[in-house]
Amino acid sequence: MDLLEKMTLRERHVDSGILLSGCQADETSADVGGGGGKAYGAFSNAIQTVLKENECALKNKELVMMAREVLERLGFQQHPCLYCSDQNADATFLSQP
């Protein structure tokens, strides 16, 4: 397969990946102490909080921005990120109803 054929295949490839990260590359993603001595991620907790507080379907980018607000309100120094195409940023989080 020559270079032109490879490039053509790449152009046809649809990017369907979506990555939600708990922090930026130069930050640390915090853990929170839970009941029973178990720890869990502050970002995971923020996501769950946002989903519980919002009954309507949220776009991926809305969810991440709202989670950032929750973390800031709780005093965490981390900034979650969303890595995906613009189309996927506007898609509904996990195909919520």
PDB file of N, CA and C in Angstrom:
ATOM      1  N   MET A   1       0.860  -1.176   0.000  1.00  0.00           N
ATOM      2  CA  MET A   1       0.000   0.000   0.000  1.00  0.00           C
ATOM      3  C   MET A   1       0.905   1.238   0.000  1.00  0.00           C
ATOM      4  N   ASP A   2       0.682   2.144  -0.939  1.00  0.00           N
ATOM      5  CA  ASP A   2       1.515   3.334  -0.997  1.00  0.00           C
ATOM      6  C   ASP A   2       0.996   4.416  -0.041  1.00  0.00           C
ATOM      7  N   LEU A   3       1.762   5.475   0.098  1.00  0.00           N
ATOM      8  CA  LEU A   3       1.452   6.547   1.043  1.00  0.00           C
ATOM      9  C   LEU A   3       0.106   7.200   0.747  1.00  0.00           C
ATOM     10  N   LEU A   4      -0.207   7.424  -0.508  1.00  0.00           N
ATOM     11  CA  LEU A   4      -1.480   8.047  -0.874  1.00  0.00           C
ATOM     12  C   LEU A   4      -2.663   7.192  -0.432  1.00  0.00           C
ATOM     13  N   GLU A   5      -2.553   5.882  -0.626  1.00  0.00           N
ATOM     14  CA  GLU A   5      -3.632   4.984  -0.195  1.00  0.00           C
ATOM     15  C   GLU A   5      -3.796   5.009   1.321  1.00  0.00           C
ATOM     16  N   LYS A   6      -2.683   5.041   2.051  1.00  0.00           N
ATOM     17  CA  LYS A   6      -2.746   5.104   3.514  1.00  0.00           C
ATOM     18  C   LYS A   6      -3.413   6.398   3.980  1.00  0.00           C
ATOM     19  N   MET A   7      -3.053   7.510   3.348  1.00  0.00           N
ATOM     20  CA  MET A   7      -3.637   8.797   3.732  1.00  0.00           C
ATOM     21  C   MET A   7      -5.132   8.805   3.453  1.00  0.00           C
ATOM     22  N   THR A   8      -5.527   8.232   2.335  1.00  0.00           N
ATOM     23  CA  THR A   8      -6.940   8.171   1.982  1.00  0.00           C
ATOM     24  C   THR A   8      -7.708   7.354   3.015  1.00  0.00           C
ATOM     25  N   LEU A   9      -7.132   6.256   3.478  1.00  0.00           N
ATOM     26  CA  LEU A   9      -7.777   5.441   4.514  1.00  0.00           C
ATOM     27  C   LEU A   9      -7.918   6.221   5.815  1.00  0.00           C
ATOM     28  N   ARG A  10      -6.901   6.975   6.182  1.00  0.00           N
ATOM     29  CA  ARG A  10      -6.966   7.780   7.402  1.00  0.00           C
ATOM     30  C   ARG A  10      -8.059   8.832   7.307  1.00  0.00           C
ATOM     31  N   GLU A  11      -8.193   9.452   6.145  1.00  0.00           N
ATOM     32  CA  GLU A  11      -9.205  10.488   5.969  1.00  0.00           C
ATOM     33  C   GLU A  11     -10.609   9.923   6.113  1.00  0.00           C
ATOM     34  N   ARG A  12     -10.794   8.674   5.743  1.00  0.00           N
ATOM     35  CA  ARG A  12     -12.112   8.049   5.841  1.00  0.00           C
ATOM     36  C   ARG A  12     -12.416   7.564   7.255  1.00  0.00           C
ATOM     37  N   HIS A  13     -11.383   7.436   8.064  1.00  0.00           N
ATOM     38  CA  HIS A  13     -11.551   6.951   9.434  1.00  0.00           C
ATOM     39  C   HIS A  13     -12.328   7.986  10.252  1.00  0.00           C
ATOM     40  N   VAL A  14     -13.404   7.554  10.854  1.00  0.00           N
ATOM     41  CA  VAL A  14     -14.217   8.435  11.685  1.00  0.00           C
ATOM     42  C   VAL A  14     -13.718   8.329  13.116  1.00  0.00           C
ATOM     43  N   ASP A  15     -13.414   9.471  13.715  1.00  0.00           N
ATOM     44  CA  ASP A  15     -12.928   9.490  15.094  1.00  0.00           C
ATOM     45  C   ASP A  15     -14.108   9.396  16.038  1.00  0.00           C
ATOM     46  N   SER A  16     -14.254   8.260  16.676  1.00  0.00           N
ATOM     47  CA  SER A  16     -15.378   8.075  17.588  1.00  0.00           C
ATOM     48  C   SER A  16     -14.927   8.013  19.041  1.00  0.00           C
ATOM     49  N   GLY A  17     -13.646   8.222  19.286  1.00  0.00           N
ATOM     50  CA  GLY A  17     -13.127   8.157  20.648  1.00  0.00           C
ATOM     51  C   GLY A  17     -13.509   9.374  21.476  1.00  0.00           C
ATOM     52  N   ILE A  18     -13.781   9.124  22.748  1.00  0.00           N
ATOM     53  CA  ILE A  18     -14.092  10.190  23.698  1.00  0.00           C
ATOM     54  C   ILE A  18     -13.321   9.885  24.977  1.00  0.00           C
ATOM     55  N   LEU A  19     -12.534  10.849  25.450  1.00  0.00           N
ATOM     56  CA  LEU A  19     -11.776  10.676  26.682  1.00  0.00           C
ATOM     57  C   LEU A  19     -12.103  11.807  27.641  1.00  0.00           C
ATOM     58  N   LEU A  20     -12.554  11.461  28.827  1.00  0.00           N
ATOM     59  CA  LEU A  20     -12.748  12.424  29.903  1.00  0.00           C
ATOM     60  C   LEU A  20     -11.618  12.183  30.889  1.00  0.00           C
ATOM     61  N   SER A  21     -10.805  13.197  31.142  1.00  0.00           N
ATOM     62  CA  SER A  21      -9.703  13.042  32.091  1.00  0.00           C
ATOM     63  C   SER A  21      -9.998  13.854  33.343  1.00  0.00           C
ATOM     64  N   GLY A  22      -9.486  13.395  34.463  1.00  0.00           N
ATOM     65  CA  GLY A  22      -9.742  14.049  35.743  1.00  0.00           C
ATOM     66  C   GLY A  22      -8.986  15.341  35.929  1.00  0.00           C
ATOM     67  N   CYS A  23      -7.964  15.580  35.101  1.00  0.00           N
ATOM     68  CA  CYS A  23      -7.168  16.799  35.250  1.00  0.00           C
ATOM     69  C   CYS A  23      -6.371  17.057  33.978  1.00  0.00           C
ATOM     70  N   GLN A  24      -5.743  18.221  33.932  1.00  0.00           N
ATOM     71  CA  GLN A  24      -4.863  18.545  32.822  1.00  0.00           C
ATOM     72  C   GLN A  24      -3.541  17.803  33.003  1.00  0.00           C
ATOM     73  N   ALA A  25      -2.735  17.762  31.953  1.00  0.00           N
ATOM     74  CA  ALA A  25      -1.495  16.982  31.959  1.00  0.00           C
ATOM     75  C   ALA A  25      -0.513  17.423  33.041  1.00  0.00           C
ATOM     76  N   ASP A  26      -0.531  18.692  33.422  1.00  0.00           N
ATOM     77  CA  ASP A  26       0.413  19.191  34.426  1.00  0.00           C
ATOM     78  C   ASP A  26      -0.187  19.237  35.834  1.00  0.00           C
ATOM     79  N   GLU A  27      -1.312  18.562  36.041  1.00  0.00           N
ATOM     80  CA  GLU A  27      -1.988  18.551  37.338  1.00  0.00           C
ATOM     81  C   GLU A  27      -2.075  17.125  37.877  1.00  0.00           C
ATOM     82  N   THR A  28      -2.529  17.036  39.116  1.00  0.00           N
ATOM     83  CA  THR A  28      -2.767  15.741  39.749  1.00  0.00           C
ATOM     84  C   THR A  28      -4.252  15.587  39.987  1.00  0.00           C
ATOM     85  N   SER A  29      -4.769  14.425  39.700  1.00  0.00           N
ATOM     86  CA  SER A  29      -6.183  14.132  39.913  1.00  0.00           C
ATOM     87  C   SER A  29      -6.348  13.603  41.341  1.00  0.00           C
ATOM     88  N   ALA A  30      -7.155  14.296  42.137  1.00  0.00           N
ATOM     89  CA  ALA A  30      -7.287  13.998  43.568  1.00  0.00           C
ATOM     90  C   ALA A  30      -8.213  12.822  43.846  1.00  0.00           C
ATOM     91  N   ASP A  31      -7.938  12.167  44.953  1.00  0.00           N
ATOM     92  CA  ASP A  31      -8.828  11.150  45.503  1.00  0.00           C
ATOM     93  C   ASP A  31      -9.519  11.739  46.725  1.00  0.00           C
ATOM     94  N   VAL A  32     -10.687  11.225  47.018  1.00  0.00           N
ATOM     95  CA  VAL A  32     -11.485  11.675  48.148  1.00  0.00           C
ATOM     96  C   VAL A  32     -11.737  10.470  49.041  1.00  0.00           C
ATOM     97  N   GLY A  33     -11.624  10.678  50.348  1.00  0.00           N
ATOM     98  CA  GLY A  33     -11.915   9.598  51.286  1.00  0.00           C
ATOM     99  C   GLY A  33     -13.409   9.393  51.400  1.00  0.00           C
ATOM    100  N   GLY A  34     -13.835   8.193  51.187  1.00  0.00           N
ATOM    101  CA  GLY A  34     -15.255   7.875  51.281  1.00  0.00           C
ATOM    102  C   GLY A  34     -15.574   7.145  52.568  1.00  0.00           C
ATOM    103  N   GLY A  35     -16.805   6.808  52.731  1.00  0.00           N
ATOM    104  CA  GLY A  35     -17.224   6.048  53.894  1.00  0.00           C
ATOM    105  C   GLY A  35     -16.605   4.659  53.898  1.00  0.00           C
ATOM    106  N   GLY A  36     -16.332   4.137  55.069  1.00  0.00           N
ATOM    107  CA  GLY A  36     -15.769   2.797  55.166  1.00  0.00           C
ATOM    108  C   GLY A  36     -14.305   2.725  54.797  1.00  0.00           C
ATOM    109  N   GLY A  37     -13.609   3.870  54.781  1.00  0.00           N
ATOM    110  CA  GLY A  37     -12.186   3.879  54.489  1.00  0.00           C
ATOM    111  C   GLY A  37     -11.827   3.735  53.029  1.00  0.00           C
ATOM    112  N   LYS A  38     -12.789   3.742  52.140  1.00  0.00           N
ATOM    113  CA  LYS A  38     -12.511   3.604  50.711  1.00  0.00           C
ATOM    114  C   LYS A  38     -12.335   4.985  50.084  1.00  0.00           C
ATOM    115  N   ALA A  39     -11.404   5.066  49.158  1.00  0.00           N
ATOM    116  CA  ALA A  39     -11.174   6.312  48.432  1.00  0.00           C
ATOM    117  C   ALA A  39     -11.763   6.197  47.031  1.00  0.00           C
ATOM    118  N   TYR A  40     -12.122   7.331  46.470  1.00  0.00           N
ATOM    119  CA  TYR A  40     -12.623   7.384  45.101  1.00  0.00           C
ATOM    120  C   TYR A  40     -12.160   8.688  44.486  1.00  0.00           C
ATOM    121  N   GLY A  41     -12.215   8.777  43.182  1.00  0.00           N
ATOM    122  CA  GLY A  41     -11.741   9.958  42.482  1.00  0.00           C
ATOM    123  C   GLY A  41     -12.659  11.157  42.661  1.00  0.00           C
ATOM    124  N   ALA A  42     -12.051  12.314  42.885  1.00  0.00           N
ATOM    125  CA  ALA A  42     -12.824  13.546  43.030  1.00  0.00           C
ATOM    126  C   ALA A  42     -13.589  13.854  41.743  1.00  0.00           C
ATOM    127  N   PHE A  43     -12.965  13.592  40.592  1.00  0.00           N
ATOM    128  CA  PHE A  43     -13.630  13.835  39.318  1.00  0.00           C
ATOM    129  C   PHE A  43     -14.804  12.886  39.125  1.00  0.00           C
ATOM    130  N   SER A  44     -14.615  11.617  39.445  1.00  0.00           N
ATOM    131  CA  SER A  44     -15.717  10.643  39.349  1.00  0.00           C
ATOM    132  C   SER A  44     -16.884  11.072  40.222  1.00  0.00           C
ATOM    133  N   ASN A  45     -16.580  11.542  41.415  1.00  0.00           N
ATOM    134  CA  ASN A  45     -17.620  12.020  42.320  1.00  0.00           C
ATOM    135  C   ASN A  45     -18.320  13.250  41.742  1.00  0.00           C
ATOM    136  N   ALA A  46     -17.551  14.152  41.141  1.00  0.00           N
ATOM    137  CA  ALA A  46     -18.135  15.358  40.541  1.00  0.00           C
ATOM    138  C   ALA A  46     -19.071  14.992  39.387  1.00  0.00           C
ATOM    139  N   ILE A  47     -18.680  14.022  38.569  1.00  0.00           N
ATOM    140  CA  ILE A  47     -19.533  13.559  37.467  1.00  0.00           C
ATOM    141  C   ILE A  47     -20.847  13.019  38.018  1.00  0.00           C
ATOM    142  N   GLN A  48     -20.764  12.193  39.045  1.00  0.00           N
ATOM    143  CA  GLN A  48     -21.973  11.628  39.649  1.00  0.00           C
ATOM    144  C   GLN A  48     -22.857  12.721  40.237  1.00  0.00           C
ATOM    145  N   THR A  49     -22.247  13.720  40.849  1.00  0.00           N
ATOM    146  CA  THR A  49     -23.002  14.841  41.414  1.00  0.00           C
ATOM    147  C   THR A  49     -23.755  15.584  40.323  1.00  0.00           C
ATOM    148  N   VAL A  50     -23.067  15.882  39.224  1.00  0.00           N
ATOM    149  CA  VAL A  50     -23.696  16.602  38.110  1.00  0.00           C
ATOM    150  C   VAL A  50     -24.862  15.794  37.546  1.00  0.00           C
ATOM    151  N   LEU A  51     -24.672  14.502  37.355  1.00  0.00           N
ATOM    152  CA  LEU A  51     -25.737  13.670  36.793  1.00  0.00           C
ATOM    153  C   LEU A  51     -26.946  13.599  37.723  1.00  0.00           C
ATOM    154  N   LYS A  52     -26.707  13.555  39.022  1.00  0.00           N
ATOM    155  CA  LYS A  52     -27.816  13.518  39.983  1.00  0.00           C
ATOM    156  C   LYS A  52     -28.578  14.836  40.015  1.00  0.00           C
ATOM    157  N   GLU A  53     -27.862  15.949  39.843  1.00  0.00           N
ATOM    158  CA  GLU A  53     -28.477  17.274  39.920  1.00  0.00           C
ATOM    159  C   GLU A  53     -29.176  17.683  38.626  1.00  0.00           C
ATOM    160  N   ASN A  54     -28.939  16.972  37.549  1.00  0.00           N
ATOM    161  CA  ASN A  54     -29.500  17.334  36.243  1.00  0.00           C
ATOM    162  C   ASN A  54     -30.240  16.146  35.654  1.00  0.00           C
ATOM    163  N   GLU A  55     -31.537  16.239  35.622  1.00  0.00           N
ATOM    164  CA  GLU A  55     -32.350  15.144  35.087  1.00  0.00           C
ATOM    165  C   GLU A  55     -32.348  15.108  33.565  1.00  0.00           C
ATOM    166  N   CYS A  56     -32.054  16.236  32.938  1.00  0.00           N
ATOM    167  CA  CYS A  56     -32.056  16.272  31.475  1.00  0.00           C
ATOM    168  C   CYS A  56     -30.740  15.705  30.941  1.00  0.00           C
ATOM    169  N   ALA A  57     -30.761  15.296  29.697  1.00  0.00           N
ATOM    170  CA  ALA A  57     -29.560  14.783  29.041  1.00  0.00           C
ATOM    171  C   ALA A  57     -28.548  15.912  28.874  1.00  0.00           C
ATOM    172  N   LEU A  58     -27.285  15.596  29.108  1.00  0.00           N
ATOM    173  CA  LEU A  58     -26.215  16.583  28.993  1.00  0.00           C
ATOM    174  C   LEU A  58     -25.257  16.193  27.879  1.00  0.00           C
ATOM    175  N   LYS A  59     -24.739  17.202  27.198  1.00  0.00           N
ATOM    176  CA  LYS A  59     -23.699  16.970  26.206  1.00  0.00           C
ATOM    177  C   LYS A  59     -22.401  16.676  26.953  1.00  0.00           C
ATOM    178  N   ASN A  60     -21.490  15.971  26.302  1.00  0.00           N
ATOM    179  CA  ASN A  60     -20.204  15.657  26.921  1.00  0.00           C
ATOM    180  C   ASN A  60     -19.498  16.910  27.423  1.00  0.00           C
ATOM    181  N   LYS A  61     -19.472  17.964  26.604  1.00  0.00           N
ATOM    182  CA  LYS A  61     -18.775  19.182  27.013  1.00  0.00           C
ATOM    183  C   LYS A  61     -19.486  19.866  28.182  1.00  0.00           C
ATOM    184  N   GLU A  62     -20.807  19.808  28.245  1.00  0.00           N
ATOM    185  CA  GLU A  62     -21.542  20.386  29.372  1.00  0.00           C
ATOM    186  C   GLU A  62     -21.211  19.644  30.662  1.00  0.00           C
ATOM    187  N   LEU A  63     -21.171  18.330  30.576  1.00  0.00           N
ATOM    188  CA  LEU A  63     -20.882  17.509  31.749  1.00  0.00           C
ATOM    189  C   LEU A  63     -19.502  17.832  32.317  1.00  0.00           C
ATOM    190  N   VAL A  64     -18.502  17.920  31.456  1.00  0.00           N
ATOM    191  CA  VAL A  64     -17.144  18.202  31.919  1.00  0.00           C
ATOM    192  C   VAL A  64     -17.059  19.603  32.519  1.00  0.00           C
ATOM    193  N   MET A  65     -17.685  20.591  31.899  1.00  0.00           N
ATOM    194  CA  MET A  65     -17.645  21.953  32.441  1.00  0.00           C
ATOM    195  C   MET A  65     -18.366  22.032  33.788  1.00  0.00           C
ATOM    196  N   MET A  66     -19.482  21.350  33.923  1.00  0.00           N
ATOM    197  CA  MET A  66     -20.202  21.344  35.197  1.00  0.00           C
ATOM    198  C   MET A  66     -19.395  20.612  36.273  1.00  0.00           C
ATOM    199  N   ALA A  67     -18.713  19.550  35.898  1.00  0.00           N
ATOM    200  CA  ALA A  67     -17.857  18.832  36.849  1.00  0.00           C
ATOM    201  C   ALA A  67     -16.716  19.732  37.309  1.00  0.00           C
ATOM    202  N   ARG A  68     -16.173  20.533  36.404  1.00  0.00           N
ATOM    203  CA  ARG A  68     -15.139  21.506  36.783  1.00  0.00           C
ATOM    204  C   ARG A  68     -15.671  22.462  37.850  1.00  0.00           C
ATOM    205  N   GLU A  69     -16.904  22.927  37.652  1.00  0.00           N
ATOM    206  CA  GLU A  69     -17.507  23.849  38.617  1.00  0.00           C
ATOM    207  C   GLU A  69     -17.682  23.186  39.982  1.00  0.00           C
ATOM    208  N   VAL A  70     -18.106  21.934  40.000  1.00  0.00           N
ATOM    209  CA  VAL A  70     -18.266  21.201  41.263  1.00  0.00           C
ATOM    210  C   VAL A  70     -16.918  21.085  41.965  1.00  0.00           C
ATOM    211  N   LEU A  71     -15.885  20.697  41.239  1.00  0.00           N
ATOM    212  CA  LEU A  71     -14.557  20.551  41.832  1.00  0.00           C
ATOM    213  C   LEU A  71     -14.038  21.873  42.380  1.00  0.00           C
ATOM    214  N   GLU A  72     -14.252  22.952  41.634  1.00  0.00           N
ATOM    215  CA  GLU A  72     -13.820  24.271  42.095  1.00  0.00           C
ATOM    216  C   GLU A  72     -14.562  24.661  43.370  1.00  0.00           C
ATOM    217  N   ARG A  73     -15.860  24.419  43.381  1.00  0.00           N
ATOM    218  CA  ARG A  73     -16.684  24.739  44.553  1.00  0.00           C
ATOM    219  C   ARG A  73     -16.200  23.974  45.790  1.00  0.00           C
ATOM    220  N   LEU A  74     -15.717  22.756  45.587  1.00  0.00           N
ATOM    221  CA  LEU A  74     -15.238  21.923  46.692  1.00  0.00           C
ATOM    222  C   LEU A  74     -13.766  22.180  47.040  1.00  0.00           C
ATOM    223  N   GLY A  75     -13.140  23.095  46.315  1.00  0.00           N
ATOM    224  CA  GLY A  75     -11.766  23.487  46.629  1.00  0.00           C
ATOM    225  C   GLY A  75     -10.670  22.654  45.987  1.00  0.00           C
ATOM    226  N   PHE A  76     -10.995  21.856  44.996  1.00  0.00           N
ATOM    227  CA  PHE A  76      -9.978  21.047  44.320  1.00  0.00           C
ATOM    228  C   PHE A  76      -9.264  21.880  43.263  1.00  0.00           C
ATOM    229  N   GLN A  77      -7.975  21.633  43.125  1.00  0.00           N
ATOM    230  CA  GLN A  77      -7.141  22.353  42.171  1.00  0.00           C
ATOM    231  C   GLN A  77      -6.859  21.487  40.948  1.00  0.00           C
ATOM    232  N   GLN A  78      -7.914  21.024  40.304  1.00  0.00           N
ATOM    233  CA  GLN A  78      -7.748  20.229  39.088  1.00  0.00           C
ATOM    234  C   GLN A  78      -8.808  20.646  38.085  1.00  0.00           C
ATOM    235  N   HIS A  79      -8.461  20.512  36.836  1.00  0.00           N
ATOM    236  CA  HIS A  79      -9.329  20.966  35.751  1.00  0.00           C
ATOM    237  C   HIS A  79      -9.550  19.822  34.760  1.00  0.00           C
ATOM    238  N   PRO A  80     -10.671  19.112  34.876  1.00  0.00           N
ATOM    239  CA  PRO A  80     -10.968  18.005  33.961  1.00  0.00           C
ATOM    240  C   PRO A  80     -10.967  18.450  32.499  1.00  0.00           C
ATOM    241  N   CYS A  81     -10.637  17.522  31.629  1.00  0.00           N
ATOM    242  CA  CYS A  81     -10.569  17.810  30.198  1.00  0.00           C
ATOM    243  C   CYS A  81     -11.391  16.801  29.407  1.00  0.00           C
ATOM    244  N   LEU A  82     -11.815  17.237  28.244  1.00  0.00           N
ATOM    245  CA  LEU A  82     -12.545  16.393  27.308  1.00  0.00           C
ATOM    246  C   LEU A  82     -11.747  16.353  26.016  1.00  0.00           C
ATOM    247  N   TYR A  83     -11.370  15.155  25.590  1.00  0.00           N
ATOM    248  CA  TYR A  83     -10.615  14.964  24.358  1.00  0.00           C
ATOM    249  C   TYR A  83     -11.473  14.182  23.375  1.00  0.00           C
ATOM    250  N   CYS A  84     -11.907  14.851  22.315  1.00  0.00           N
ATOM    251  CA  CYS A  84     -12.716  14.196  21.285  1.00  0.00           C
ATOM    252  C   CYS A  84     -12.947  15.177  20.140  1.00  0.00           C
ATOM    253  N   SER A  85     -13.627  14.709  19.123  1.00  0.00           N
ATOM    254  CA  SER A  85     -13.982  15.575  18.001  1.00  0.00           C
ATOM    255  C   SER A  85     -15.055  16.569  18.450  1.00  0.00           C
ATOM    256  N   ASP A  86     -15.219  17.638  17.696  1.00  0.00           N
ATOM    257  CA  ASP A  86     -16.275  18.611  18.006  1.00  0.00           C
ATOM    258  C   ASP A  86     -17.648  17.946  17.994  1.00  0.00           C
ATOM    259  N   GLN A  87     -17.833  17.036  17.061  1.00  0.00           N
ATOM    260  CA  GLN A  87     -19.115  16.334  16.970  1.00  0.00           C
ATOM    261  C   GLN A  87     -19.379  15.532  18.245  1.00  0.00           C
ATOM    262  N   ASN A  88     -18.369  14.844  18.752  1.00  0.00           N
ATOM    263  CA  ASN A  88     -18.542  14.062  19.969  1.00  0.00           C
ATOM    264  C   ASN A  88     -18.656  14.941  21.211  1.00  0.00           C
ATOM    265  N   ALA A  89     -18.061  16.124  21.187  1.00  0.00           N
ATOM    266  CA  ALA A  89     -18.204  17.048  22.315  1.00  0.00           C
ATOM    267  C   ALA A  89     -19.665  17.455  22.471  1.00  0.00           C
ATOM    268  N   ASP A  90     -20.371  17.555  21.353  1.00  0.00           N
ATOM    269  CA  ASP A  90     -21.787  17.938  21.373  1.00  0.00           C
ATOM    270  C   ASP A  90     -22.729  16.743  21.506  1.00  0.00           C
ATOM    271  N   ALA A  91     -22.180  15.540  21.545  1.00  0.00           N
ATOM    272  CA  ALA A  91     -23.014  14.339  21.692  1.00  0.00           C
ATOM    273  C   ALA A  91     -23.474  14.198  23.140  1.00  0.00           C
ATOM    274  N   THR A  92     -24.574  13.510  23.323  1.00  0.00           N
ATOM    275  CA  THR A  92     -25.117  13.280  24.654  1.00  0.00           C
ATOM    276  C   THR A  92     -24.242  12.284  25.408  1.00  0.00           C
ATOM    277  N   PHE A  93     -23.945  12.596  26.663  1.00  0.00           N
ATOM    278  CA  PHE A  93     -23.100  11.740  27.489  1.00  0.00           C
ATOM    279  C   PHE A  93     -23.700  10.348  27.624  1.00  0.00           C
ATOM    280  N   LEU A  94     -22.959   9.345  27.225  1.00  0.00           N
ATOM    281  CA  LEU A  94     -23.374   7.940  27.296  1.00  0.00           C
ATOM    282  C   LEU A  94     -24.794   7.704  26.798  1.00  0.00           C
ATOM    283  N   SER A  95     -25.177   8.454  25.783  1.00  0.00           N
ATOM    284  CA  SER A  95     -26.502   8.302  25.166  1.00  0.00           C
ATOM    285  C   SER A  95     -27.633   8.348  26.187  1.00  0.00           C
ATOM    286  N   GLN A  96     -27.549   9.345  27.083  1.00  0.00           N
ATOM    287  CA  GLN A  96     -28.617   9.516  28.075  1.00  0.00           C
ATOM    288  C   GLN A  96     -29.950   9.701  27.377  1.00  0.00           C
ATOM    289  N   PRO A  97     -31.037   9.298  28.034  1.00  0.00           N
ATOM    290  CA  PRO A  97     -32.363   9.516  27.435  1.00  0.00           C
ATOM    291  C   PRO A  97     -32.731  10.987  27.430  1.00  0.00           C
TER     292      PRO A  97
END
